[in-house]
């Protein structure tokens, strides 16, 4: 399954391997994007690519807050 805009930085394939850091900065390990998205959802956050290297992409689970309306 491909999702061309799953993450803004181009990780579109849910089976890609990524290194995952949780909201508190703890390393969760290497897992598929689909599993990482599940962890992010469980923590109430979204994935954000922090580092992209040739051999491994690192993502962090972050909270996304909407700006207050004016």
PDB file of N, CA and C in Angstrom:
ATOM      1  N   UNK A   1       0.844  -1.178   0.000  1.00  0.00           N
ATOM      2  CA  UNK A   1       0.000   0.000   0.000  1.00  0.00           C
ATOM      3  C   UNK A   1       0.886   1.236   0.000  1.00  0.00           C
ATOM      4  N   UNK A   2       0.549   2.187  -0.837  1.00  0.00           N
ATOM      5  CA  UNK A   2       1.319   3.427  -0.894  1.00  0.00           C
ATOM      6  C   UNK A   2       0.412   4.595  -0.536  1.00  0.00           C
ATOM      7  N   UNK A   3       0.992   5.523   0.199  1.00  0.00           N
ATOM      8  CA  UNK A   3       0.283   6.758   0.523  1.00  0.00           C
ATOM      9  C   UNK A   3       1.226   7.886   0.199  1.00  0.00           C
ATOM     10  N   UNK A   4       0.987   8.562  -0.915  1.00  0.00           N
ATOM     11  CA  UNK A   4       1.932   9.558  -1.416  1.00  0.00           C
ATOM     12  C   UNK A   4       2.121  10.745  -0.488  1.00  0.00           C
ATOM     13  N   UNK A   5       1.183  11.013   0.377  1.00  0.00           N
ATOM     14  CA  UNK A   5       1.365  12.164   1.270  1.00  0.00           C
ATOM     15  C   UNK A   5       1.183  11.752   2.729  1.00  0.00           C
ATOM     16  N   UNK A   6       1.538  10.508   3.052  1.00  0.00           N
ATOM     17  CA  UNK A   6       1.393  10.028   4.426  1.00  0.00           C
ATOM     18  C   UNK A   6       2.164  10.909   5.393  1.00  0.00           C
ATOM     19  N   UNK A   7       3.392  11.238   5.040  1.00  0.00           N
ATOM     20  CA  UNK A   7       4.201  12.171   5.814  1.00  0.00           C
ATOM     21  C   UNK A   7       4.723  13.212   4.847  1.00  0.00           C
ATOM     22  N   UNK A   8       4.728  14.449   5.256  1.00  0.00           N
ATOM     23  CA  UNK A   8       5.108  15.543   4.366  1.00  0.00           C
ATOM     24  C   UNK A   8       6.483  15.420   3.751  1.00  0.00           C
ATOM     25  N   UNK A   9       7.365  14.653   4.360  1.00  0.00           N
ATOM     26  CA  UNK A   9       8.721  14.548   3.845  1.00  0.00           C
ATOM     27  C   UNK A   9       8.902  13.381   2.896  1.00  0.00           C
ATOM     28  N   UNK A  10       7.840  12.708   2.525  1.00  0.00           N
ATOM     29  CA  UNK A  10       7.942  11.713   1.485  1.00  0.00           C
ATOM     30  C   UNK A  10       7.976  10.267   1.908  1.00  0.00           C
ATOM     31  N   UNK A  11       7.801   9.932   3.162  1.00  0.00           N
ATOM     32  CA  UNK A  11       7.687   8.524   3.516  1.00  0.00           C
ATOM     33  C   UNK A  11       6.274   8.112   3.162  1.00  0.00           C
ATOM     34  N   UNK A  12       6.144   7.419   2.069  1.00  0.00           N
ATOM     35  CA  UNK A  12       4.816   7.081   1.578  1.00  0.00           C
ATOM     36  C   UNK A  12       4.508   5.599   1.722  1.00  0.00           C
ATOM     37  N   UNK A  13       5.511   4.761   1.825  1.00  0.00           N
ATOM     38  CA  UNK A  13       5.310   3.333   1.865  1.00  0.00           C
ATOM     39  C   UNK A  13       5.180   2.891   3.323  1.00  0.00           C
ATOM     40  N   UNK A  14       4.033   2.325   3.677  1.00  0.00           N
ATOM     41  CA  UNK A  14       3.782   1.944   5.064  1.00  0.00           C
ATOM     42  C   UNK A  14       4.705   0.839   5.548  1.00  0.00           C
ATOM     43  N   UNK A  15       5.375   0.141   4.636  1.00  0.00           N
ATOM     44  CA  UNK A  15       6.288  -0.928   5.041  1.00  0.00           C
ATOM     45  C   UNK A  15       7.737  -0.452   5.158  1.00  0.00           C
ATOM     46  N   UNK A  16       8.007   0.843   4.919  1.00  0.00           N
ATOM     47  CA  UNK A  16       9.355   1.383   5.106  1.00  0.00           C
ATOM     48  C   UNK A  16       9.759   1.240   6.578  1.00  0.00           C
ATOM     49  N   UNK A  17      11.045   1.028   6.824  1.00  0.00           N
ATOM     50  CA  UNK A  17      11.568   0.925   8.181  1.00  0.00           C
ATOM     51  C   UNK A  17      12.022   2.299   8.659  1.00  0.00           C
ATOM     52  N   UNK A  18      11.656   2.658   9.883  1.00  0.00           N
ATOM     53  CA  UNK A  18      12.058   3.930  10.473  1.00  0.00           C
ATOM     54  C   UNK A  18      12.467   3.699  11.922  1.00  0.00           C
ATOM     55  N   UNK A  19      13.354   4.564  12.434  1.00  0.00           N
ATOM     56  CA  UNK A  19      13.720   4.552  13.851  1.00  0.00           C
ATOM     57  C   UNK A  19      12.754   5.518  14.538  1.00  0.00           C
ATOM     58  N   UNK A  20      12.121   5.070  15.623  1.00  0.00           N
ATOM     59  CA  UNK A  20      11.053   5.847  16.248  1.00  0.00           C
ATOM     60  C   UNK A  20      11.475   6.331  17.643  1.00  0.00           C
ATOM     61  N   UNK A  21      11.258   7.628  17.886  1.00  0.00           N
ATOM     62  CA  UNK A  21      11.477   8.256  19.185  1.00  0.00           C
ATOM     63  C   UNK A  21      10.113   8.716  19.701  1.00  0.00           C
ATOM     64  N   UNK A  22       9.794   8.381  20.948  1.00  0.00           N
ATOM     65  CA  UNK A  22       8.473   8.764  21.450  1.00  0.00           C
ATOM     66  C   UNK A  22       8.456  10.209  21.953  1.00  0.00           C
ATOM     67  N   UNK A  23       7.305  10.648  22.441  1.00  0.00           N
ATOM     68  CA  UNK A  23       7.126  12.043  22.872  1.00  0.00           C
ATOM     69  C   UNK A  23       8.076  12.442  23.985  1.00  0.00           C
ATOM     70  N   UNK A  24       8.497  11.490  24.807  1.00  0.00           N
ATOM     71  CA  UNK A  24       9.379  11.783  25.933  1.00  0.00           C
ATOM     72  C   UNK A  24      10.853  11.671  25.584  1.00  0.00           C
ATOM     73  N   UNK A  25      11.163  11.333  24.328  1.00  0.00           N
ATOM     74  CA  UNK A  25      12.546  11.219  23.896  1.00  0.00           C
ATOM     75  C   UNK A  25      13.129   9.823  24.002  1.00  0.00           C
ATOM     76  N   UNK A  26      12.344   8.855  24.424  1.00  0.00           N
ATOM     77  CA  UNK A  26      12.819   7.476  24.536  1.00  0.00           C
ATOM     78  C   UNK A  26      12.776   6.806  23.162  1.00  0.00           C
ATOM     79  N   UNK A  27      13.819   6.049  22.845  1.00  0.00           N
ATOM     80  CA  UNK A  27      13.861   5.350  21.560  1.00  0.00           C
ATOM     81  C   UNK A  27      13.006   4.094  21.642  1.00  0.00           C
ATOM     82  N   UNK A  28      12.058   3.971  20.713  1.00  0.00           N
ATOM     83  CA  UNK A  28      11.187   2.803  20.670  1.00  0.00           C
ATOM     84  C   UNK A  28      11.744   1.705  19.773  1.00  0.00           C
ATOM     85  N   UNK A  29      12.750   2.035  18.975  1.00  0.00           N
ATOM     86  CA  UNK A  29      13.367   1.038  18.105  1.00  0.00           C
ATOM     87  C   UNK A  29      13.030   1.254  16.645  1.00  0.00           C
ATOM     88  N   UNK A  30      13.369   0.255  15.850  1.00  0.00           N
ATOM     89  CA  UNK A  30      13.132   0.302  14.411  1.00  0.00           C
ATOM     90  C   UNK A  30      11.864  -0.485  14.112  1.00  0.00           C
ATOM     91  N   UNK A  31      10.979   0.135  13.355  1.00  0.00           N
ATOM     92  CA  UNK A  31       9.710  -0.512  13.010  1.00  0.00           C
ATOM     93  C   UNK A  31       9.196   0.021  11.682  1.00  0.00           C
ATOM     94  N   UNK A  32       8.170  -0.622  11.164  1.00  0.00           N
ATOM     95  CA  UNK A  32       7.551  -0.168   9.919  1.00  0.00           C
ATOM     96  C   UNK A  32       6.760   1.110  10.186  1.00  0.00           C
ATOM     97  N   UNK A  33       6.601   1.925   9.158  1.00  0.00           N
ATOM     98  CA  UNK A  33       5.866   3.189   9.281  1.00  0.00           C
ATOM     99  C   UNK A  33       4.461   2.943   9.824  1.00  0.00           C
ATOM    100  N   UNK A  34       3.795   1.886   9.363  1.00  0.00           N
ATOM    101  CA  UNK A  34       2.431   1.590   9.817  1.00  0.00           C
ATOM    102  C   UNK A  34       2.397   1.381  11.327  1.00  0.00           C
ATOM    103  N   UNK A  35       3.372   0.650  11.869  1.00  0.00           N
ATOM    104  CA  UNK A  35       3.436   0.413  13.310  1.00  0.00           C
ATOM    105  C   UNK A  35       3.774   1.703  14.055  1.00  0.00           C
ATOM    106  N   UNK A  36       4.668   2.504  13.487  1.00  0.00           N
ATOM    107  CA  UNK A  36       5.031   3.785  14.096  1.00  0.00           C
ATOM    108  C   UNK A  36       3.820   4.714  14.161  1.00  0.00           C
ATOM    109  N   UNK A  37       3.010   4.717  13.108  1.00  0.00           N
ATOM    110  CA  UNK A  37       1.808   5.551  13.103  1.00  0.00           C
ATOM    111  C   UNK A  37       0.820   5.082  14.164  1.00  0.00           C
ATOM    112  N   UNK A  38       0.765   3.780  14.386  1.00  0.00           N
ATOM    113  CA  UNK A  38      -0.113   3.240  15.429  1.00  0.00           C
ATOM    114  C   UNK A  38       0.345   3.727  16.803  1.00  0.00           C
ATOM    115  N   UNK A  39       1.656   3.667  17.069  1.00  0.00           N
ATOM    116  CA  UNK A  39       2.192   4.174  18.342  1.00  0.00           C
ATOM    117  C   UNK A  39       1.890   5.663  18.494  1.00  0.00           C
ATOM    118  N   UNK A  40       2.059   6.435  17.429  1.00  0.00           N
ATOM    119  CA  UNK A  40       1.786   7.871  17.484  1.00  0.00           C
ATOM    120  C   UNK A  40       0.321   8.125  17.829  1.00  0.00           C
ATOM    121  N   UNK A  41      -0.553   7.386  17.199  1.00  0.00           N
ATOM    122  CA  UNK A  41      -1.982   7.538  17.457  1.00  0.00           C
ATOM    123  C   UNK A  41      -2.317   7.203  18.911  1.00  0.00           C
ATOM    124  N   UNK A  42      -1.699   6.143  19.435  1.00  0.00           N
ATOM    125  CA  UNK A  42      -1.931   5.757  20.830  1.00  0.00           C
ATOM    126  C   UNK A  42      -1.459   6.829  21.798  1.00  0.00           C
ATOM    127  N   UNK A  43      -0.416   7.573  21.423  1.00  0.00           N
ATOM    128  CA  UNK A  43       0.101   8.643  22.275  1.00  0.00           C
ATOM    129  C   UNK A  43      -0.567   9.987  21.984  1.00  0.00           C
ATOM    130  N   UNK A  44      -1.530  10.005  21.076  1.00  0.00           N
ATOM    131  CA  UNK A  44      -2.238  11.239  20.746  1.00  0.00           C
ATOM    132  C   UNK A  44      -1.412  12.187  19.908  1.00  0.00           C
ATOM    133  N   UNK A  45      -0.457  11.669  19.148  1.00  0.00           N
ATOM    134  CA  UNK A  45       0.424  12.515  18.345  1.00  0.00           C
ATOM    135  C   UNK A  45       0.494  12.093  16.900  1.00  0.00           C
ATOM    136  N   UNK A  46       1.461  12.667  16.202  1.00  0.00           N
ATOM    137  CA  UNK A  46       1.714  12.362  14.800  1.00  0.00           C
ATOM    138  C   UNK A  46       3.209  12.154  14.617  1.00  0.00           C
ATOM    139  N   UNK A  47       3.583  11.555  13.484  1.00  0.00           N
ATOM    140  CA  UNK A  47       4.997  11.340  13.191  1.00  0.00           C
ATOM    141  C   UNK A  47       5.592  12.572  12.523  1.00  0.00           C
ATOM    142  N   UNK A  48       6.817  12.880  12.893  1.00  0.00           N
ATOM    143  CA  UNK A  48       7.557  13.991  12.304  1.00  0.00           C
ATOM    144  C   UNK A  48       8.961  13.481  11.991  1.00  0.00           C
ATOM    145  N   UNK A  49       9.402  13.635  10.750  1.00  0.00           N
ATOM    146  CA  UNK A  49      10.733  13.177  10.362  1.00  0.00           C
ATOM    147  C   UNK A  49      11.768  14.145  10.915  1.00  0.00           C
ATOM    148  N   UNK A  50      12.690  13.619  11.735  1.00  0.00           N
ATOM    149  CA  UNK A  50      13.723  14.451  12.338  1.00  0.00           C
ATOM    150  C   UNK A  50      15.059  14.293  11.639  1.00  0.00           C
ATOM    151  N   UNK A  51      15.284  13.138  11.036  1.00  0.00           N
ATOM    152  CA  UNK A  51      16.564  12.890  10.385  1.00  0.00           C
ATOM    153  C   UNK A  51      16.360  11.887   9.258  1.00  0.00           C
ATOM    154  N   UNK A  52      16.946  12.196   8.114  1.00  0.00           N
ATOM    155  CA  UNK A  52      16.822  11.298   6.968  1.00  0.00           C
ATOM    156  C   UNK A  52      18.226  10.970   6.490  1.00  0.00           C
ATOM    157  N   UNK A  53      18.594   9.709   6.658  1.00  0.00           N
ATOM    158  CA  UNK A  53      19.893   9.235   6.195  1.00  0.00           C
ATOM    159  C   UNK A  53      19.664   8.173   5.138  1.00  0.00           C
ATOM    160  N   UNK A  54      20.725   7.798   4.434  1.00  0.00           N
ATOM    161  CA  UNK A  54      20.618   6.811   3.369  1.00  0.00           C
ATOM    162  C   UNK A  54      20.142   5.463   3.894  1.00  0.00           C
ATOM    163  N   UNK A  55      20.599   5.087   5.086  1.00  0.00           N
ATOM    164  CA  UNK A  55      20.252   3.761   5.588  1.00  0.00           C
ATOM    165  C   UNK A  55      19.037   3.739   6.510  1.00  0.00           C
ATOM    166  N   UNK A  56      18.697   4.845   7.160  1.00  0.00           N
ATOM    167  CA  UNK A  56      17.575   4.831   8.095  1.00  0.00           C
ATOM    168  C   UNK A  56      17.018   6.235   8.284  1.00  0.00           C
ATOM    169  N   UNK A  57      15.703   6.334   8.333  1.00  0.00           N
ATOM    170  CA  UNK A  57      15.020   7.592   8.617  1.00  0.00           C
ATOM    171  C   UNK A  57      14.579   7.566  10.071  1.00  0.00           C
ATOM    172  N   UNK A  58      14.760   8.683  10.765  1.00  0.00           N
ATOM    173  CA  UNK A  58      14.336   8.773  12.158  1.00  0.00           C
ATOM    174  C   UNK A  58      13.092   9.641  12.232  1.00  0.00           C
ATOM    175  N   UNK A  59      12.079   9.164  12.948  1.00  0.00           N
ATOM    176  CA  UNK A  59      10.854   9.932  13.149  1.00  0.00           C
ATOM    177  C   UNK A  59      10.615  10.093  14.639  1.00  0.00           C
ATOM    178  N   UNK A  60       9.955  11.168  14.983  1.00  0.00           N
ATOM    179  CA  UNK A  60       9.627  11.440  16.382  1.00  0.00           C
ATOM    180  C   UNK A  60       8.118  11.615  16.489  1.00  0.00           C
ATOM    181  N   UNK A  61       7.557  11.105  17.555  1.00  0.00           N
ATOM    182  CA  UNK A  61       6.134  11.301  17.818  1.00  0.00           C
ATOM    183  C   UNK A  61       5.978  12.659  18.491  1.00  0.00           C
ATOM    184  N   UNK A  62       5.194  13.520  17.890  1.00  0.00           N
ATOM    185  CA  UNK A  62       4.990  14.867  18.418  1.00  0.00           C
ATOM    186  C   UNK A  62       3.501  15.156  18.543  1.00  0.00           C
ATOM    187  N   UNK A  63       3.175  16.072  19.431  1.00  0.00           N
ATOM    188  CA  UNK A  63       1.802  16.548  19.554  1.00  0.00           C
ATOM    189  C   UNK A  63       1.620  17.722  18.613  1.00  0.00           C
ATOM    190  N   UNK A  64       0.546  17.723  17.897  1.00  0.00           N
ATOM    191  CA  UNK A  64       0.244  18.830  16.997  1.00  0.00           C
ATOM    192  C   UNK A  64      -0.962  19.554  17.580  1.00  0.00           C
ATOM    193  N   UNK A  65      -0.749  20.810  17.872  1.00  0.00           N
ATOM    194  CA  UNK A  65      -1.820  21.610  18.444  1.00  0.00           C
ATOM    195  C   UNK A  65      -2.261  22.654  17.449  1.00  0.00           C
ATOM    196  N   UNK A  66      -3.539  22.871  17.398  1.00  0.00           N
ATOM    197  CA  UNK A  66      -4.072  23.890  16.500  1.00  0.00           C
ATOM    198  C   UNK A  66      -3.885  25.272  17.133  1.00  0.00           C
ATOM    199  N   UNK A  67      -3.557  26.226  16.291  1.00  0.00           N
ATOM    200  CA  UNK A  67      -3.420  27.600  16.766  1.00  0.00           C
ATOM    201  C   UNK A  67      -4.798  28.127  17.166  1.00  0.00           C
ATOM    202  N   UNK A  68      -4.859  28.919  18.217  1.00  0.00           N
ATOM    203  CA  UNK A  68      -6.159  29.468  18.619  1.00  0.00           C
ATOM    204  C   UNK A  68      -6.722  30.381  17.547  1.00  0.00           C
ATOM    205  N   UNK A  69      -8.002  30.283  17.335  1.00  0.00           N
ATOM    206  CA  UNK A  69      -8.635  31.147  16.326  1.00  0.00           C
ATOM    207  C   UNK A  69      -8.777  32.559  16.889  1.00  0.00           C
ATOM    208  N   UNK A  70      -8.693  33.506  16.000  1.00  0.00           N
ATOM    209  CA  UNK A  70      -8.767  34.912  16.417  1.00  0.00           C
ATOM    210  C   UNK A  70     -10.077  35.504  16.046  1.00  0.00           C
TER     211      UNK A  70
END
